[in-house]
């Protein structure tokens, strides 16, 4: 008889699948940055065996890039395509023209959960939001754009409620083709 998964086990399995897809995006961004002359460090990658142990497996940054001033900046990579447990809608884009008209949810790039961003130390230098197909990205300069971000309530399939997500206006992002 097949083993039945609990809701928590199912959620964790989906989380790990999303994590693997996210790591692929990190590698694509690291490759793009290195190809364009940046020194990049990719921290080790670890997966939690259970949801209960997940807190011990939080990373301290997706990538670190040597900035022009010689210091290292944290870069967070977000694959905004698959949507995961929160939105469930894949999103493939090549640039700002693939987003919606002003005044709509999609006239901004979804950065990340407010709680996640607010807890990050050190604060990211850049957030790179990658298309579902890993071919394009919106690069967000956190220090330059943070004051223009706004919050948007996103449905949360895990809790059944909503969660606040930071959104960056599309005109504030720098758009890059990740294919080399």
C-alpha atoms as a PDB file:
ATOM      1  CA  UNK A   1       0.000   0.000   0.000  1.00  0.00           C
ATOM      2  CA  UNK A   2       1.452   3.430  -0.952  1.00  0.00           C
ATOM      3  CA  UNK A   3       2.578   5.703   1.861  1.00  0.00           C
ATOM      4  CA  UNK A   4       0.277   8.677   2.416  1.00  0.00           C
ATOM      5  CA  UNK A   5       1.938  12.077   2.798  1.00  0.00           C
ATOM      6  CA  UNK A   6       0.705  14.548   5.365  1.00  0.00           C
ATOM      7  CA  UNK A   7      -0.012  18.128   4.332  1.00  0.00           C
ATOM      8  CA  UNK A   8       3.262  19.186   5.990  1.00  0.00           C
ATOM      9  CA  UNK A   9       5.246  16.507   4.141  1.00  0.00           C
ATOM     10  CA  UNK A  10       3.618  17.481   0.843  1.00  0.00           C
ATOM     11  CA  UNK A  11       4.362  21.173   1.496  1.00  0.00           C
ATOM     12  CA  UNK A  12       7.997  20.359   2.322  1.00  0.00           C
ATOM     13  CA  UNK A  13       8.413  18.247  -0.820  1.00  0.00           C
ATOM     14  CA  UNK A  14       7.067  21.141  -2.926  1.00  0.00           C
ATOM     15  CA  UNK A  15       9.348  23.549  -1.055  1.00  0.00           C
ATOM     16  CA  UNK A  16      12.394  21.382  -1.839  1.00  0.00           C
ATOM     17  CA  UNK A  17      11.374  21.208  -5.503  1.00  0.00           C
ATOM     18  CA  UNK A  18      11.113  25.024  -5.582  1.00  0.00           C
ATOM     19  CA  UNK A  19      14.458  25.255  -3.781  1.00  0.00           C
ATOM     20  CA  UNK A  20      16.135  23.117  -6.440  1.00  0.00           C
ATOM     21  CA  UNK A  21      14.664  25.320  -9.191  1.00  0.00           C
ATOM     22  CA  UNK A  22      15.821  28.406  -7.294  1.00  0.00           C
ATOM     23  CA  UNK A  23      19.356  27.024  -7.046  1.00  0.00           C
ATOM     24  CA  UNK A  24      19.421  26.569 -10.834  1.00  0.00           C
ATOM     25  CA  UNK A  25      18.519  30.257 -11.162  1.00  0.00           C
ATOM     26  CA  UNK A  26      21.351  31.160  -8.766  1.00  0.00           C
ATOM     27  CA  UNK A  27      23.817  29.245 -10.934  1.00  0.00           C
ATOM     28  CA  UNK A  28      22.575  30.978 -14.097  1.00  0.00           C
ATOM     29  CA  UNK A  29      22.946  34.419 -12.467  1.00  0.00           C
ATOM     30  CA  UNK A  30      26.407  33.541 -11.089  1.00  0.00           C
ATOM     31  CA  UNK A  31      27.449  32.380 -14.558  1.00  0.00           C
ATOM     32  CA  UNK A  32      26.128  35.613 -16.122  1.00  0.00           C
ATOM     33  CA  UNK A  33      27.939  37.780 -13.554  1.00  0.00           C
ATOM     34  CA  UNK A  34      31.239  35.908 -13.892  1.00  0.00           C
ATOM     35  CA  UNK A  35      30.984  36.008 -17.693  1.00  0.00           C
ATOM     36  CA  UNK A  36      30.608  39.790 -17.400  1.00  0.00           C
ATOM     37  CA  UNK A  37      33.739  40.214 -15.261  1.00  0.00           C
ATOM     38  CA  UNK A  38      32.383  40.090 -11.700  1.00  0.00           C
ATOM     39  CA  UNK A  39      33.983  37.922  -9.010  1.00  0.00           C
ATOM     40  CA  UNK A  40      31.269  35.707  -7.544  1.00  0.00           C
ATOM     41  CA  UNK A  41      31.066  33.431  -4.504  1.00  0.00           C
ATOM     42  CA  UNK A  42      28.361  30.760  -4.363  1.00  0.00           C
ATOM     43  CA  UNK A  43      27.831  29.611  -0.760  1.00  0.00           C
ATOM     44  CA  UNK A  44      27.291  25.912  -0.094  1.00  0.00           C
ATOM     45  CA  UNK A  45      23.797  24.580  -0.678  1.00  0.00           C
ATOM     46  CA  UNK A  46      22.006  22.494   1.955  1.00  0.00           C
ATOM     47  CA  UNK A  47      18.485  21.065   2.030  1.00  0.00           C
ATOM     48  CA  UNK A  48      16.495  20.474   5.199  1.00  0.00           C
ATOM     49  CA  UNK A  49      15.328  16.865   5.598  1.00  0.00           C
ATOM     50  CA  UNK A  50      12.058  18.001   7.245  1.00  0.00           C
ATOM     51  CA  UNK A  51       9.986  21.161   7.537  1.00  0.00           C
ATOM     52  CA  UNK A  52      10.537  21.146  11.294  1.00  0.00           C
ATOM     53  CA  UNK A  53      14.309  21.393  10.770  1.00  0.00           C
ATOM     54  CA  UNK A  54      14.101  24.085   8.071  1.00  0.00           C
ATOM     55  CA  UNK A  55      15.077  26.938  10.413  1.00  0.00           C
ATOM     56  CA  UNK A  56      18.536  25.443  10.868  1.00  0.00           C
ATOM     57  CA  UNK A  57      19.071  25.424   7.091  1.00  0.00           C
ATOM     58  CA  UNK A  58      18.389  29.102   6.289  1.00  0.00           C
ATOM     59  CA  UNK A  59      21.057  30.531   4.040  1.00  0.00           C
ATOM     60  CA  UNK A  60      22.905  33.795   4.635  1.00  0.00           C
ATOM     61  CA  UNK A  61      22.754  34.820   0.981  1.00  0.00           C
ATOM     62  CA  UNK A  62      22.400  33.293  -2.469  1.00  0.00           C
ATOM     63  CA  UNK A  63      25.510  34.865  -4.010  1.00  0.00           C
ATOM     64  CA  UNK A  64      28.187  37.329  -3.005  1.00  0.00           C
ATOM     65  CA  UNK A  65      29.689  39.663  -5.594  1.00  0.00           C
ATOM     66  CA  UNK A  66      32.835  41.757  -5.309  1.00  0.00           C
ATOM     67  CA  UNK A  67      31.662  45.339  -5.783  1.00  0.00           C
ATOM     68  CA  UNK A  68      33.682  48.067  -7.515  1.00  0.00           C
ATOM     69  CA  UNK A  69      34.757  49.432  -4.098  1.00  0.00           C
ATOM     70  CA  UNK A  70      36.330  46.047  -3.250  1.00  0.00           C
ATOM     71  CA  UNK A  71      33.750  44.954  -0.673  1.00  0.00           C
ATOM     72  CA  UNK A  72      31.457  41.982  -1.106  1.00  0.00           C
ATOM     73  CA  UNK A  73      27.736  42.540  -1.665  1.00  0.00           C
ATOM     74  CA  UNK A  74      24.950  40.064  -0.985  1.00  0.00           C
ATOM     75  CA  UNK A  75      22.843  39.171  -4.016  1.00  0.00           C
ATOM     76  CA  UNK A  76      19.483  37.483  -3.588  1.00  0.00           C
ATOM     77  CA  UNK A  77      18.181  35.558  -6.592  1.00  0.00           C
ATOM     78  CA  UNK A  78      14.443  35.075  -6.953  1.00  0.00           C
ATOM     79  CA  UNK A  79      12.933  32.864  -9.637  1.00  0.00           C
ATOM     80  CA  UNK A  80       9.604  34.597 -10.031  1.00  0.00           C
ATOM     81  CA  UNK A  81       8.381  32.146 -12.617  1.00  0.00           C
ATOM     82  CA  UNK A  82       7.011  29.015 -11.022  1.00  0.00           C
ATOM     83  CA  UNK A  83       5.157  30.894  -8.329  1.00  0.00           C
ATOM     84  CA  UNK A  84       5.449  28.074  -5.828  1.00  0.00           C
ATOM     85  CA  UNK A  85       2.970  27.611  -3.049  1.00  0.00           C
ATOM     86  CA  UNK A  86       2.105  31.309  -2.911  1.00  0.00           C
ATOM     87  CA  UNK A  87       0.949  32.206  -6.409  1.00  0.00           C
ATOM     88  CA  UNK A  88       1.076  29.090  -8.560  1.00  0.00           C
ATOM     89  CA  UNK A  89       1.407  31.029 -11.832  1.00  0.00           C
ATOM     90  CA  UNK A  90       4.522  30.590 -13.984  1.00  0.00           C
ATOM     91  CA  UNK A  91       5.836  33.878 -15.367  1.00  0.00           C
ATOM     92  CA  UNK A  92       8.213  34.099 -18.280  1.00  0.00           C
ATOM     93  CA  UNK A  93       9.388  37.544 -19.306  1.00  0.00           C
ATOM     94  CA  UNK A  94      12.056  39.232 -21.395  1.00  0.00           C
ATOM     95  CA  UNK A  95      11.671  42.797 -20.109  1.00  0.00           C
ATOM     96  CA  UNK A  96       9.318  45.415 -18.675  1.00  0.00           C
ATOM     97  CA  UNK A  97       6.962  45.208 -21.679  1.00  0.00           C
ATOM     98  CA  UNK A  98       5.851  41.760 -20.459  1.00  0.00           C
ATOM     99  CA  UNK A  99       4.448  43.266 -17.259  1.00  0.00           C
ATOM    100  CA  UNK A 100       1.028  44.880 -16.981  1.00  0.00           C
ATOM    101  CA  UNK A 101      -0.192  48.450 -17.315  1.00  0.00           C
ATOM    102  CA  UNK A 102       0.359  50.994 -14.522  1.00  0.00           C
ATOM    103  CA  UNK A 103      -1.858  50.582 -11.473  1.00  0.00           C
ATOM    104  CA  UNK A 104      -2.028  46.795 -11.674  1.00  0.00           C
ATOM    105  CA  UNK A 105      -0.262  44.081  -9.658  1.00  0.00           C
ATOM    106  CA  UNK A 106       2.036  43.344 -12.565  1.00  0.00           C
ATOM    107  CA  UNK A 107       3.289  46.917 -13.087  1.00  0.00           C
ATOM    108  CA  UNK A 108       5.908  46.046 -10.481  1.00  0.00           C
ATOM    109  CA  UNK A 109       8.436  43.275  -9.950  1.00  0.00           C
ATOM    110  CA  UNK A 110       7.741  41.056  -6.964  1.00  0.00           C
ATOM    111  CA  UNK A 111      10.864  41.270  -4.814  1.00  0.00           C
ATOM    112  CA  UNK A 112      10.112  38.925  -1.886  1.00  0.00           C
ATOM    113  CA  UNK A 113       8.120  38.463   1.307  1.00  0.00           C
ATOM    114  CA  UNK A 114       8.347  41.480   3.567  1.00  0.00           C
ATOM    115  CA  UNK A 115       9.244  39.351   6.596  1.00  0.00           C
ATOM    116  CA  UNK A 116      12.026  37.572   4.701  1.00  0.00           C
ATOM    117  CA  UNK A 117      13.581  40.798   3.433  1.00  0.00           C
ATOM    118  CA  UNK A 118      13.247  42.648   6.730  1.00  0.00           C
ATOM    119  CA  UNK A 119      15.090  39.852   8.597  1.00  0.00           C
ATOM    120  CA  UNK A 120      18.039  39.686   6.177  1.00  0.00           C
ATOM    121  CA  UNK A 121      21.434  40.605   7.587  1.00  0.00           C
ATOM    122  CA  UNK A 122      23.360  41.820   5.778  1.00  0.00           C
ATOM    123  CA  UNK A 123      20.737  43.529   3.639  1.00  0.00           C
ATOM    124  CA  UNK A 124      21.049  42.537  -0.029  1.00  0.00           C
ATOM    125  CA  UNK A 125      23.015  44.797  -2.345  1.00  0.00           C
ATOM    126  CA  UNK A 126      21.000  43.536  -5.329  1.00  0.00           C
ATOM    127  CA  UNK A 127      17.913  41.377  -5.834  1.00  0.00           C
ATOM    128  CA  UNK A 128      17.818  39.557  -9.163  1.00  0.00           C
ATOM    129  CA  UNK A 129      14.345  38.399 -10.216  1.00  0.00           C
ATOM    130  CA  UNK A 130      14.709  35.700 -12.848  1.00  0.00           C
ATOM    131  CA  UNK A 131      12.200  34.695 -15.513  1.00  0.00           C
ATOM    132  CA  UNK A 132      10.656  31.229 -15.413  1.00  0.00           C
ATOM    133  CA  UNK A 133      12.758  30.176 -18.424  1.00  0.00           C
ATOM    134  CA  UNK A 134      16.024  31.474 -16.832  1.00  0.00           C
ATOM    135  CA  UNK A 135      16.720  33.648 -19.897  1.00  0.00           C
ATOM    136  CA  UNK A 136      16.055  37.144 -18.512  1.00  0.00           C
ATOM    137  CA  UNK A 137      16.155  39.005 -15.220  1.00  0.00           C
ATOM    138  CA  UNK A 138      15.159  42.217 -13.516  1.00  0.00           C
ATOM    139  CA  UNK A 139      18.093  43.486 -11.460  1.00  0.00           C
ATOM    140  CA  UNK A 140      17.056  45.633  -8.518  1.00  0.00           C
ATOM    141  CA  UNK A 141      19.552  47.948  -6.833  1.00  0.00           C
ATOM    142  CA  UNK A 142      18.235  47.772  -3.263  1.00  0.00           C
ATOM    143  CA  UNK A 143      19.832  50.951  -1.901  1.00  0.00           C
ATOM    144  CA  UNK A 144      18.747  53.055  -4.872  1.00  0.00           C
ATOM    145  CA  UNK A 145      15.185  51.738  -5.216  1.00  0.00           C
ATOM    146  CA  UNK A 146      13.982  50.680  -1.746  1.00  0.00           C
ATOM    147  CA  UNK A 147      12.152  53.950  -1.054  1.00  0.00           C
ATOM    148  CA  UNK A 148      10.024  53.403  -4.171  1.00  0.00           C
ATOM    149  CA  UNK A 149       8.927  49.873  -3.235  1.00  0.00           C
ATOM    150  CA  UNK A 150       5.387  49.228  -2.094  1.00  0.00           C
ATOM    151  CA  UNK A 151       3.640  46.350  -0.367  1.00  0.00           C
ATOM    152  CA  UNK A 152       1.088  44.107  -2.016  1.00  0.00           C
ATOM    153  CA  UNK A 153      -0.952  41.396  -0.311  1.00  0.00           C
ATOM    154  CA  UNK A 154      -0.319  38.039  -2.025  1.00  0.00           C
ATOM    155  CA  UNK A 155      -2.507  34.957  -1.387  1.00  0.00           C
ATOM    156  CA  UNK A 156      -0.644  32.407   0.708  1.00  0.00           C
ATOM    157  CA  UNK A 157      -1.652  28.842  -0.136  1.00  0.00           C
ATOM    158  CA  UNK A 158       0.194  27.492   2.919  1.00  0.00           C
ATOM    159  CA  UNK A 159      -1.697  29.521   5.509  1.00  0.00           C
ATOM    160  CA  UNK A 160      -4.848  30.194   3.487  1.00  0.00           C
ATOM    161  CA  UNK A 161      -4.424  33.889   4.234  1.00  0.00           C
ATOM    162  CA  UNK A 162      -2.376  36.627   2.630  1.00  0.00           C
ATOM    163  CA  UNK A 163       1.178  37.827   3.124  1.00  0.00           C
ATOM    164  CA  UNK A 164       2.742  41.213   2.365  1.00  0.00           C
ATOM    165  CA  UNK A 165       5.294  41.161  -0.444  1.00  0.00           C
ATOM    166  CA  UNK A 166       7.638  43.944  -1.460  1.00  0.00           C
ATOM    167  CA  UNK A 167       7.115  45.134  -5.030  1.00  0.00           C
ATOM    168  CA  UNK A 168       9.556  47.288  -7.010  1.00  0.00           C
ATOM    169  CA  UNK A 169       8.207  49.499  -9.835  1.00  0.00           C
ATOM    170  CA  UNK A 170       9.256  48.047 -13.188  1.00  0.00           C
ATOM    171  CA  UNK A 171      10.933  51.300 -14.297  1.00  0.00           C
ATOM    172  CA  UNK A 172      13.332  51.033 -11.322  1.00  0.00           C
ATOM    173  CA  UNK A 173      14.734  47.650 -12.413  1.00  0.00           C
ATOM    174  CA  UNK A 174      17.573  47.072 -14.868  1.00  0.00           C
ATOM    175  CA  UNK A 175      16.644  44.380 -17.373  1.00  0.00           C
ATOM    176  CA  UNK A 176      19.232  41.871 -18.569  1.00  0.00           C
ATOM    177  CA  UNK A 177      19.386  38.941 -20.957  1.00  0.00           C
ATOM    178  CA  UNK A 178      20.995  36.093 -18.988  1.00  0.00           C
ATOM    179  CA  UNK A 179      21.889  34.053 -22.055  1.00  0.00           C
ATOM    180  CA  UNK A 180      25.603  34.093 -22.825  1.00  0.00           C
END
